[in-house]
């Protein structure tokens, strides 16, 4: 996105409102409704959803962490949370920057579930975002 767009987001000056707060809520809601959106995705009891952001000059990084004590993993819920948060940012900022691009969305780490632990090889996971 344009530097002007990230500046407006950081200042809370986008006309539709507080972009990151709305995107956080959208991501949380999306994680909880993942099985309604993705065919054959098992509904799971989501215990916690975190959606965090890091604003840089020309992009906003979105990270999600989802937890459950259910029988399966929640990587689809985390990926859905990130996707919907990104789409929300786009929707809220499109009046000032239609050229924004939603980039790579990837699973960095997964623990638990039937398939056990997964960590992406070759690149360090992004730092936790506050």
N, C-alpha and C. Protein backbone atom coordinates (compact mmCIF):
# COMPACT_ATOMS: atom_id res chain seq x y z
N UNK A 1 0.84 -1.18 0.00
CA UNK A 1 0.00 0.00 0.00
C UNK A 1 0.88 1.24 0.00
N UNK A 2 0.28 2.33 -0.32
CA UNK A 2 1.04 3.58 -0.34
C UNK A 2 1.41 4.00 1.08
N UNK A 3 2.54 4.69 1.19
CA UNK A 3 2.97 5.21 2.49
C UNK A 3 1.90 6.13 3.09
N UNK A 4 1.23 6.90 2.24
CA UNK A 4 0.17 7.79 2.72
C UNK A 4 -0.96 7.00 3.37
N UNK A 5 -1.22 5.82 2.84
CA UNK A 5 -2.30 4.98 3.39
C UNK A 5 -1.92 4.46 4.77
N UNK A 6 -0.71 3.95 4.92
CA UNK A 6 -0.30 3.45 6.24
C UNK A 6 -0.26 4.59 7.26
N UNK A 7 0.12 5.78 6.81
CA UNK A 7 0.10 6.94 7.70
C UNK A 7 -1.31 7.24 8.19
N UNK A 8 -2.27 7.21 7.27
CA UNK A 8 -3.67 7.47 7.65
C UNK A 8 -4.19 6.40 8.61
N UNK A 9 -3.84 5.14 8.35
CA UNK A 9 -4.26 4.06 9.25
C UNK A 9 -3.67 4.27 10.63
N UNK A 10 -2.38 4.56 10.69
CA UNK A 10 -1.70 4.75 11.98
C UNK A 10 -2.28 5.92 12.76
N UNK A 11 -2.69 6.96 12.06
CA UNK A 11 -3.26 8.15 12.71
C UNK A 11 -4.75 8.00 13.02
N UNK A 12 -5.35 6.92 12.55
CA UNK A 12 -6.79 6.75 12.74
C UNK A 12 -7.59 7.72 11.89
N UNK A 13 -7.06 8.08 10.72
CA UNK A 13 -7.67 9.12 9.90
C UNK A 13 -8.39 8.58 8.66
N UNK A 14 -8.64 7.28 8.59
CA UNK A 14 -9.41 6.73 7.48
C UNK A 14 -10.89 7.02 7.76
N UNK A 15 -11.61 7.48 6.74
CA UNK A 15 -12.98 7.96 6.94
C UNK A 15 -13.94 6.91 7.49
N UNK A 16 -13.71 5.63 7.21
CA UNK A 16 -14.60 4.57 7.70
C UNK A 16 -14.39 4.25 9.18
N UNK A 17 -13.30 4.76 9.78
CA UNK A 17 -13.09 4.53 11.21
C UNK A 17 -11.74 3.92 11.52
N UNK A 18 -11.65 3.32 12.70
CA UNK A 18 -10.41 2.72 13.21
C UNK A 18 -10.17 1.39 12.50
N UNK A 19 -9.34 1.42 11.48
CA UNK A 19 -9.13 0.28 10.59
C UNK A 19 -8.67 -0.96 11.35
N UNK A 20 -7.67 -0.83 12.19
CA UNK A 20 -7.11 -2.02 12.84
C UNK A 20 -8.06 -2.62 13.87
N UNK A 21 -8.81 -1.79 14.56
CA UNK A 21 -9.80 -2.34 15.51
C UNK A 21 -10.89 -3.12 14.78
N UNK A 22 -11.38 -2.57 13.69
CA UNK A 22 -12.41 -3.26 12.92
C UNK A 22 -11.85 -4.53 12.29
N UNK A 23 -10.64 -4.46 11.75
CA UNK A 23 -10.02 -5.65 11.14
C UNK A 23 -9.77 -6.73 12.18
N UNK A 24 -9.41 -6.34 13.39
CA UNK A 24 -9.20 -7.33 14.47
C UNK A 24 -10.51 -8.07 14.77
N UNK A 25 -11.59 -7.33 14.94
CA UNK A 25 -12.89 -7.94 15.23
C UNK A 25 -13.32 -8.83 14.06
N UNK A 26 -13.13 -8.35 12.84
CA UNK A 26 -13.50 -9.15 11.65
C UNK A 26 -12.72 -10.46 11.62
N UNK A 27 -11.43 -10.41 11.93
CA UNK A 27 -10.61 -11.62 11.94
C UNK A 27 -11.06 -12.60 13.01
N UNK A 28 -11.37 -12.08 14.18
CA UNK A 28 -11.84 -12.95 15.28
C UNK A 28 -13.17 -13.61 14.90
N UNK A 29 -14.09 -12.82 14.37
CA UNK A 29 -15.38 -13.39 13.95
C UNK A 29 -15.19 -14.44 12.86
N UNK A 30 -14.31 -14.16 11.92
CA UNK A 30 -14.07 -15.10 10.82
C UNK A 30 -13.50 -16.42 11.33
N UNK A 31 -12.56 -16.34 12.27
CA UNK A 31 -11.99 -17.57 12.82
C UNK A 31 -13.07 -18.44 13.46
N UNK A 32 -13.99 -17.81 14.14
CA UNK A 32 -15.05 -18.55 14.82
C UNK A 32 -16.07 -19.15 13.86
N UNK A 33 -16.12 -18.64 12.61
CA UNK A 33 -17.10 -19.10 11.63
C UNK A 33 -16.45 -19.80 10.44
N UNK A 34 -15.23 -20.25 10.60
CA UNK A 34 -14.49 -20.85 9.48
C UNK A 34 -15.22 -22.02 8.85
N UNK A 35 -15.78 -22.90 9.64
CA UNK A 35 -16.44 -24.09 9.08
C UNK A 35 -17.69 -23.73 8.28
N UNK A 36 -18.24 -22.53 8.49
CA UNK A 36 -19.38 -22.08 7.69
C UNK A 36 -18.93 -21.60 6.31
N UNK A 37 -17.66 -21.27 6.17
CA UNK A 37 -17.16 -20.69 4.93
C UNK A 37 -16.39 -21.66 4.05
N UNK A 38 -15.75 -22.66 4.66
CA UNK A 38 -14.90 -23.59 3.92
C UNK A 38 -15.54 -24.97 3.94
N UNK A 39 -15.97 -25.46 2.78
CA UNK A 39 -16.61 -26.77 2.73
C UNK A 39 -15.70 -27.86 3.30
N UNK A 40 -16.29 -28.77 4.05
CA UNK A 40 -15.62 -29.92 4.65
C UNK A 40 -14.65 -29.58 5.76
N UNK A 41 -14.59 -28.32 6.17
CA UNK A 41 -13.76 -27.93 7.31
C UNK A 41 -14.54 -28.24 8.58
N UNK A 42 -13.94 -28.98 9.49
CA UNK A 42 -14.61 -29.38 10.71
C UNK A 42 -14.91 -28.19 11.61
N UNK A 43 -16.11 -28.11 12.17
CA UNK A 43 -16.35 -27.08 13.18
C UNK A 43 -15.59 -27.46 14.46
N UNK A 44 -14.87 -26.50 15.03
CA UNK A 44 -14.12 -26.76 16.26
C UNK A 44 -14.45 -25.68 17.28
N UNK A 45 -14.26 -26.04 18.53
CA UNK A 45 -14.48 -25.09 19.63
C UNK A 45 -13.23 -24.21 19.73
N UNK A 46 -13.38 -22.97 19.35
CA UNK A 46 -12.26 -22.03 19.41
C UNK A 46 -12.19 -21.45 20.81
N UNK A 47 -11.03 -21.60 21.45
CA UNK A 47 -10.86 -21.10 22.80
C UNK A 47 -10.38 -19.66 22.87
N UNK A 48 -9.49 -19.29 21.94
CA UNK A 48 -8.95 -17.93 21.92
C UNK A 48 -8.50 -17.60 20.51
N UNK A 49 -8.68 -16.33 20.13
CA UNK A 49 -8.21 -15.83 18.84
C UNK A 49 -7.52 -14.51 19.09
N UNK A 50 -6.28 -14.41 18.63
CA UNK A 50 -5.55 -13.14 18.68
C UNK A 50 -5.27 -12.72 17.25
N UNK A 51 -5.52 -11.45 16.94
CA UNK A 51 -5.18 -10.88 15.64
C UNK A 51 -4.39 -9.62 15.92
N UNK A 52 -3.15 -9.60 15.45
CA UNK A 52 -2.27 -8.46 15.73
C UNK A 52 -1.70 -7.90 14.43
N UNK A 53 -1.21 -6.66 14.52
CA UNK A 53 -0.76 -5.93 13.34
C UNK A 53 0.59 -5.28 13.61
N UNK A 54 1.36 -5.14 12.53
CA UNK A 54 2.59 -4.35 12.56
C UNK A 54 2.55 -3.45 11.34
N UNK A 55 2.59 -2.14 11.58
CA UNK A 55 2.54 -1.18 10.48
C UNK A 55 3.96 -0.79 10.10
N UNK A 56 4.28 -0.93 8.82
CA UNK A 56 5.55 -0.47 8.26
C UNK A 56 5.24 0.61 7.23
N UNK A 57 6.26 1.12 6.55
CA UNK A 57 6.05 2.22 5.61
C UNK A 57 5.04 1.89 4.52
N UNK A 58 5.16 0.72 3.93
CA UNK A 58 4.31 0.40 2.78
C UNK A 58 3.47 -0.87 2.95
N UNK A 59 3.34 -1.33 4.17
CA UNK A 59 2.50 -2.50 4.38
C UNK A 59 2.06 -2.59 5.84
N UNK A 60 1.04 -3.40 6.04
CA UNK A 60 0.59 -3.77 7.38
C UNK A 60 0.67 -5.28 7.46
N UNK A 61 1.46 -5.78 8.38
CA UNK A 61 1.58 -7.23 8.58
C UNK A 61 0.47 -7.66 9.54
N UNK A 62 -0.19 -8.74 9.20
CA UNK A 62 -1.28 -9.28 10.01
C UNK A 62 -0.88 -10.67 10.48
N UNK A 63 -1.03 -10.92 11.77
CA UNK A 63 -0.70 -12.22 12.35
C UNK A 63 -1.87 -12.67 13.22
N UNK A 64 -2.18 -13.96 13.16
CA UNK A 64 -3.24 -14.51 13.99
C UNK A 64 -2.72 -15.73 14.74
N UNK A 65 -3.22 -15.89 15.95
CA UNK A 65 -2.96 -17.08 16.75
C UNK A 65 -4.30 -17.57 17.25
N UNK A 66 -4.58 -18.85 17.03
CA UNK A 66 -5.85 -19.44 17.45
C UNK A 66 -5.54 -20.63 18.34
N UNK A 67 -6.30 -20.78 19.41
CA UNK A 67 -6.11 -21.89 20.34
C UNK A 67 -7.41 -22.65 20.54
N UNK A 68 -7.26 -23.96 20.76
CA UNK A 68 -8.40 -24.82 21.04
C UNK A 68 -7.93 -26.00 21.88
N UNK A 69 -8.87 -26.69 22.49
CA UNK A 69 -8.57 -27.97 23.15
C UNK A 69 -9.33 -29.08 22.44
N UNK A 70 -9.79 -28.80 21.24
CA UNK A 70 -10.59 -29.73 20.44
C UNK A 70 -9.72 -30.81 19.82
N UNK A 71 -10.32 -31.70 19.09
CA UNK A 71 -9.68 -32.89 18.54
C UNK A 71 -8.82 -32.64 17.31
N UNK A 72 -8.85 -31.47 16.77
CA UNK A 72 -8.13 -31.18 15.53
C UNK A 72 -7.43 -29.83 15.63
N UNK A 73 -6.58 -29.53 14.69
CA UNK A 73 -5.87 -28.25 14.68
C UNK A 73 -6.76 -27.11 14.25
N UNK A 74 -6.27 -25.93 14.42
CA UNK A 74 -7.05 -24.73 14.07
C UNK A 74 -6.27 -23.84 13.09
N UNK A 75 -5.45 -24.49 12.24
CA UNK A 75 -4.72 -23.69 11.26
C UNK A 75 -5.64 -23.02 10.25
N UNK A 76 -6.75 -23.68 9.88
CA UNK A 76 -7.69 -23.07 8.94
C UNK A 76 -8.35 -21.83 9.57
N UNK A 77 -8.62 -21.91 10.87
CA UNK A 77 -9.21 -20.76 11.57
C UNK A 77 -8.23 -19.59 11.60
N UNK A 78 -6.95 -19.88 11.84
CA UNK A 78 -5.95 -18.81 11.87
C UNK A 78 -5.76 -18.19 10.49
N UNK A 79 -5.69 -19.02 9.46
CA UNK A 79 -5.53 -18.50 8.10
C UNK A 79 -6.76 -17.70 7.67
N UNK A 80 -7.93 -18.15 8.07
CA UNK A 80 -9.16 -17.41 7.75
C UNK A 80 -9.18 -16.07 8.47
N UNK A 81 -8.75 -16.05 9.72
CA UNK A 81 -8.70 -14.79 10.47
C UNK A 81 -7.81 -13.77 9.77
N UNK A 82 -6.63 -14.21 9.33
CA UNK A 82 -5.70 -13.31 8.64
C UNK A 82 -6.31 -12.82 7.32
N UNK A 83 -6.89 -13.75 6.57
CA UNK A 83 -7.47 -13.39 5.27
C UNK A 83 -8.56 -12.34 5.41
N UNK A 84 -9.48 -12.56 6.34
CA UNK A 84 -10.59 -11.62 6.51
C UNK A 84 -10.11 -10.30 7.11
N UNK A 85 -9.14 -10.33 8.00
CA UNK A 85 -8.58 -9.08 8.51
C UNK A 85 -7.96 -8.27 7.37
N UNK A 86 -7.24 -8.94 6.47
CA UNK A 86 -6.64 -8.25 5.32
C UNK A 86 -7.72 -7.68 4.39
N UNK A 87 -8.75 -8.46 4.13
CA UNK A 87 -9.84 -7.96 3.29
C UNK A 87 -10.54 -6.77 3.93
N UNK A 88 -10.66 -6.78 5.24
CA UNK A 88 -11.28 -5.65 5.95
C UNK A 88 -10.42 -4.40 5.83
N UNK A 89 -9.11 -4.56 5.97
CA UNK A 89 -8.20 -3.42 5.79
C UNK A 89 -8.37 -2.86 4.38
N UNK A 90 -8.39 -3.75 3.39
CA UNK A 90 -8.57 -3.30 2.01
C UNK A 90 -9.88 -2.53 1.86
N UNK A 91 -10.95 -3.11 2.35
CA UNK A 91 -12.27 -2.48 2.23
C UNK A 91 -12.30 -1.09 2.86
N UNK A 92 -11.71 -0.97 4.02
CA UNK A 92 -11.75 0.31 4.74
C UNK A 92 -10.83 1.36 4.13
N UNK A 93 -9.78 0.92 3.42
CA UNK A 93 -8.79 1.86 2.86
C UNK A 93 -8.92 2.07 1.36
N UNK A 94 -9.80 1.34 0.70
CA UNK A 94 -9.86 1.41 -0.76
C UNK A 94 -10.23 2.80 -1.29
N UNK A 95 -10.87 3.62 -0.49
CA UNK A 95 -11.22 4.96 -0.97
C UNK A 95 -10.00 5.85 -1.16
N UNK A 96 -8.88 5.51 -0.51
CA UNK A 96 -7.66 6.29 -0.66
C UNK A 96 -6.56 5.54 -1.41
N UNK A 97 -6.73 4.20 -1.60
CA UNK A 97 -5.65 3.42 -2.22
C UNK A 97 -6.21 2.13 -2.80
N UNK A 98 -6.69 2.18 -4.04
CA UNK A 98 -7.23 0.97 -4.67
C UNK A 98 -6.14 0.03 -5.16
N UNK A 99 -4.89 0.47 -5.17
CA UNK A 99 -3.79 -0.34 -5.66
C UNK A 99 -3.18 -1.26 -4.62
N UNK A 100 -3.76 -1.32 -3.43
CA UNK A 100 -3.22 -2.20 -2.38
C UNK A 100 -3.23 -3.65 -2.86
N UNK A 101 -2.29 -4.43 -2.35
CA UNK A 101 -2.19 -5.85 -2.69
C UNK A 101 -2.18 -6.65 -1.40
N UNK A 102 -2.97 -7.70 -1.38
CA UNK A 102 -2.90 -8.65 -0.27
C UNK A 102 -1.88 -9.69 -0.66
N UNK A 103 -0.82 -9.79 0.14
CA UNK A 103 0.31 -10.64 -0.22
C UNK A 103 0.25 -12.02 0.39
N UNK A 104 1.40 -12.59 0.57
CA UNK A 104 1.55 -13.96 1.03
C UNK A 104 0.84 -14.19 2.36
N UNK A 105 0.07 -15.25 2.39
CA UNK A 105 -0.57 -15.71 3.62
C UNK A 105 -0.07 -17.12 3.85
N UNK A 106 0.54 -17.37 5.01
CA UNK A 106 1.18 -18.66 5.22
C UNK A 106 1.05 -19.10 6.68
N UNK A 107 1.02 -20.40 6.87
CA UNK A 107 1.07 -20.99 8.20
C UNK A 107 2.51 -21.03 8.66
N UNK A 108 2.80 -20.46 9.82
CA UNK A 108 4.17 -20.45 10.36
C UNK A 108 4.40 -21.57 11.35
N UNK A 109 3.38 -21.85 12.18
CA UNK A 109 3.56 -22.87 13.19
C UNK A 109 2.22 -23.43 13.61
N UNK A 110 2.21 -24.74 13.89
CA UNK A 110 1.02 -25.42 14.38
C UNK A 110 1.46 -26.46 15.39
N UNK A 111 0.75 -26.53 16.50
CA UNK A 111 1.02 -27.57 17.48
C UNK A 111 -0.28 -28.30 17.79
N UNK A 112 -0.18 -29.55 18.20
CA UNK A 112 -1.36 -30.32 18.57
C UNK A 112 -2.07 -30.90 17.37
N UNK A 113 -3.24 -31.47 17.65
CA UNK A 113 -4.01 -32.12 16.59
C UNK A 113 -3.40 -33.46 16.23
N UNK A 114 -4.04 -34.15 15.33
CA UNK A 114 -3.61 -35.47 14.93
C UNK A 114 -2.25 -35.48 14.23
N UNK A 115 -1.96 -34.43 13.46
CA UNK A 115 -0.71 -34.42 12.69
C UNK A 115 0.47 -33.85 13.48
N UNK A 116 0.24 -33.40 14.70
CA UNK A 116 1.34 -32.94 15.54
C UNK A 116 1.84 -31.55 15.22
N UNK A 117 3.14 -31.33 15.47
CA UNK A 117 3.73 -30.01 15.34
C UNK A 117 4.23 -29.75 13.91
N UNK A 118 4.04 -28.52 13.45
CA UNK A 118 4.57 -28.08 12.16
C UNK A 118 5.22 -26.72 12.37
N UNK A 119 6.41 -26.54 11.81
CA UNK A 119 7.08 -25.23 11.79
C UNK A 119 7.61 -25.02 10.38
N UNK A 120 7.36 -23.85 9.84
CA UNK A 120 7.82 -23.52 8.49
C UNK A 120 9.35 -23.54 8.45
N UNK A 121 9.90 -24.22 7.45
CA UNK A 121 11.36 -24.31 7.30
C UNK A 121 11.90 -23.11 6.52
N UNK A 122 13.16 -22.80 6.79
CA UNK A 122 13.87 -21.84 5.98
C UNK A 122 13.77 -20.39 6.36
N UNK A 123 12.72 -20.00 7.05
CA UNK A 123 12.55 -18.61 7.43
C UNK A 123 12.10 -18.56 8.89
N UNK A 124 12.61 -17.61 9.64
CA UNK A 124 12.13 -17.48 11.02
C UNK A 124 10.70 -16.95 11.04
N UNK A 125 9.94 -17.40 12.00
CA UNK A 125 8.58 -16.88 12.15
C UNK A 125 8.64 -15.41 12.52
N UNK A 126 7.65 -14.61 12.09
CA UNK A 126 7.66 -13.20 12.48
C UNK A 126 7.60 -13.08 14.00
N UNK A 127 8.15 -12.03 14.50
CA UNK A 127 8.10 -11.77 15.94
C UNK A 127 6.65 -11.57 16.37
N UNK A 128 6.36 -11.91 17.61
CA UNK A 128 5.02 -11.68 18.13
C UNK A 128 4.70 -10.19 18.08
N UNK A 129 3.49 -9.90 17.69
CA UNK A 129 3.09 -8.50 17.53
C UNK A 129 2.22 -8.08 18.68
N UNK A 130 2.47 -6.91 19.24
CA UNK A 130 1.65 -6.41 20.34
C UNK A 130 0.73 -5.33 19.87
